[in-house]
Amino acid sequence: MRIRDRKFRIPEKRLWYIKVKAFADSEQWSNLRILADSKTKPPIGYKPFARAAIKGKQSVSEILKYIDKIPVPEERYDLFCEAALWKNALEEASKLRDGRRILNVKTLCNSPEMQLLADQTLARIAYP
């Protein structure tokens, strides 16, 4: 693989994006997991892995494996919303103390329980 990389001069990040897309498109989820764990941290981060798992309708536990490795709370929130993991999104919005994001979760989810939880969370951050 290294010889081809040098021969065609493909930047490392682009090569990683291509691999993630190829594994996801061909539903090689175990190979995608191996790729994510192959280095200490992929040069493209874990967001493309999480997006591929969400798009490929993988299990919640599989999606969370990637999202949990993302250090930026705002990105984690966006991915939780994209995956319709409302409780996780609400927890992340609460950590950020962001009322707009909490209201966004309330608006997007269809669960009355989650909407009530969003109201309670909003009240808690507004009046600590």
Protein backbone atom coordinates (compact mmCIF):
# COMPACT_ATOMS: atom_id res chain seq x y z
CA MET A 1 0.00 0.00 0.00
CA ARG A 2 2.81 2.40 0.82
CA ILE A 3 4.33 2.05 -2.65
CA ARG A 4 1.04 3.01 -4.29
CA ASP A 5 0.64 5.98 -1.95
CA ARG A 6 4.03 7.32 -3.00
CA LYS A 7 3.50 6.45 -6.64
CA PHE A 8 0.22 8.34 -6.93
CA ARG A 9 1.08 10.92 -4.26
CA ILE A 10 -2.27 10.72 -2.49
CA PRO A 11 -2.31 12.84 0.66
CA GLU A 12 -2.77 10.75 3.81
CA LYS A 13 -6.01 12.47 4.84
CA ARG A 14 -7.60 11.95 1.42
CA LEU A 15 -6.59 8.28 1.51
CA TRP A 16 -8.29 7.89 4.91
CA TYR A 17 -11.50 9.52 3.64
CA ILE A 18 -11.48 7.18 0.63
CA LYS A 19 -11.00 4.13 2.85
CA VAL A 20 -13.81 5.16 5.21
CA LYS A 21 -16.18 5.72 2.29
CA ALA A 22 -15.19 2.47 0.58
CA PHE A 23 -15.65 0.37 3.73
CA ALA A 24 -18.99 2.01 4.50
CA ASP A 25 -20.31 1.74 0.93
CA SER A 26 -19.35 -1.95 0.76
CA GLU A 27 -20.72 -2.54 4.30
CA GLN A 28 -17.39 -3.79 5.64
CA TRP A 29 -18.12 -2.54 9.16
CA SER A 30 -15.51 -4.72 10.86
CA ASN A 31 -12.82 -3.34 8.54
CA LEU A 32 -14.02 0.20 9.29
CA ARG A 33 -13.68 -0.52 13.02
CA ILE A 34 -10.18 -1.96 12.49
CA LEU A 35 -9.22 1.14 10.50
CA ALA A 36 -10.49 3.45 13.25
CA ASP A 37 -8.47 1.55 15.85
CA SER A 38 -5.35 1.10 13.70
CA LYS A 39 -3.58 4.29 14.82
CA THR A 40 -3.66 6.24 18.02
CA LYS A 41 -5.87 8.79 16.27
CA PRO A 42 -6.87 8.86 12.60
CA PRO A 43 -5.59 11.99 10.82
CA ILE A 44 -9.19 12.79 9.81
CA GLY A 45 -10.61 12.32 13.31
CA TYR A 46 -13.56 10.08 14.18
CA LYS A 47 -16.37 12.21 12.75
CA PRO A 48 -16.28 10.57 9.28
CA PHE A 49 -16.41 7.15 10.96
CA ALA A 50 -19.45 8.17 13.02
CA ARG A 51 -21.18 9.65 9.96
CA ALA A 52 -20.53 6.46 7.98
CA ALA A 53 -22.01 4.34 10.79
CA ILE A 54 -25.06 6.61 11.04
CA LYS A 55 -25.59 6.61 7.28
CA GLY A 56 -25.14 2.83 7.21
CA LYS A 57 -27.80 2.45 9.93
CA GLN A 58 -25.47 0.65 12.29
CA SER A 59 -26.39 -0.19 15.87
CA VAL A 60 -26.41 2.52 18.50
CA SER A 61 -23.46 0.90 20.26
CA GLU A 62 -21.44 0.95 17.01
CA ILE A 63 -22.25 4.62 16.40
CA LEU A 64 -21.39 5.52 20.00
CA LYS A 65 -17.96 3.86 19.67
CA TYR A 66 -16.99 6.60 17.25
CA ILE A 67 -18.88 9.54 18.77
CA ASP A 68 -17.42 8.84 22.22
CA LYS A 69 -13.93 9.39 20.79
CA ILE A 70 -14.74 12.88 19.49
CA PRO A 71 -13.41 15.52 21.90
CA VAL A 72 -15.40 18.55 20.65
CA PRO A 73 -18.78 18.74 22.45
CA GLU A 74 -20.49 20.70 19.65
CA GLU A 75 -19.54 18.04 17.10
CA ARG A 76 -20.73 15.31 19.45
CA TYR A 77 -24.07 17.11 19.85
CA ASP A 78 -24.49 17.43 16.06
CA LEU A 79 -23.76 13.73 15.54
CA PHE A 80 -26.16 12.69 18.31
CA CYS A 81 -28.88 14.72 16.58
CA GLU A 82 -27.97 13.26 13.19
CA ALA A 83 -28.30 9.76 14.67
CA ALA A 84 -31.56 10.70 16.47
CA LEU A 85 -29.97 9.83 19.82
CA TRP A 86 -32.01 12.48 21.60
CA LYS A 87 -31.12 11.63 25.18
CA ASN A 88 -27.41 11.82 24.37
CA ALA A 89 -27.94 15.06 22.43
CA LEU A 90 -29.83 16.54 25.37
CA GLU A 91 -27.07 15.54 27.80
CA GLU A 92 -24.44 17.12 25.55
CA ALA A 93 -26.50 20.33 25.20
CA SER A 94 -26.89 20.40 28.98
CA LYS A 95 -23.11 20.08 29.46
CA LEU A 96 -22.68 22.97 27.03
CA ARG A 97 -25.37 24.90 28.95
CA ASP A 98 -26.87 25.82 25.58
CA GLY A 99 -30.59 26.57 25.71
CA ARG A 100 -30.86 26.84 21.94
CA ARG A 101 -29.59 23.29 21.50
CA ILE A 102 -31.91 21.99 24.22
CA LEU A 103 -34.89 23.60 22.47
CA ASN A 104 -33.67 22.11 19.19
CA VAL A 105 -33.76 18.61 20.71
CA LYS A 106 -37.25 19.28 22.06
CA THR A 107 -38.43 20.40 18.63
CA LEU A 108 -36.87 17.54 16.68
CA CYS A 109 -37.77 14.56 18.86
CA ASN A 110 -41.27 13.08 18.86
CA SER A 111 -41.15 11.64 22.35
CA PRO A 112 -43.28 13.42 24.97
CA GLU A 113 -40.93 12.06 27.66
CA MET A 114 -37.90 13.58 25.94
CA GLN A 115 -39.75 16.87 25.45
CA LEU A 116 -40.55 16.97 29.17
CA LEU A 117 -36.93 16.13 29.99
CA ALA A 118 -35.82 18.95 27.67
CA ASP A 119 -38.09 21.39 29.51
CA GLN A 120 -36.69 20.24 32.87
CA THR A 121 -33.12 20.52 31.60
CA LEU A 122 -33.79 24.00 30.25
CA ALA A 123 -35.27 25.09 33.57
CA ARG A 124 -32.26 23.63 35.41
CA ILE A 125 -29.70 25.56 33.36
CA ALA A 126 -31.80 28.76 33.38
CA TYR A 127 -32.31 28.70 37.14
CA PRO A 128 -29.47 26.70 38.73
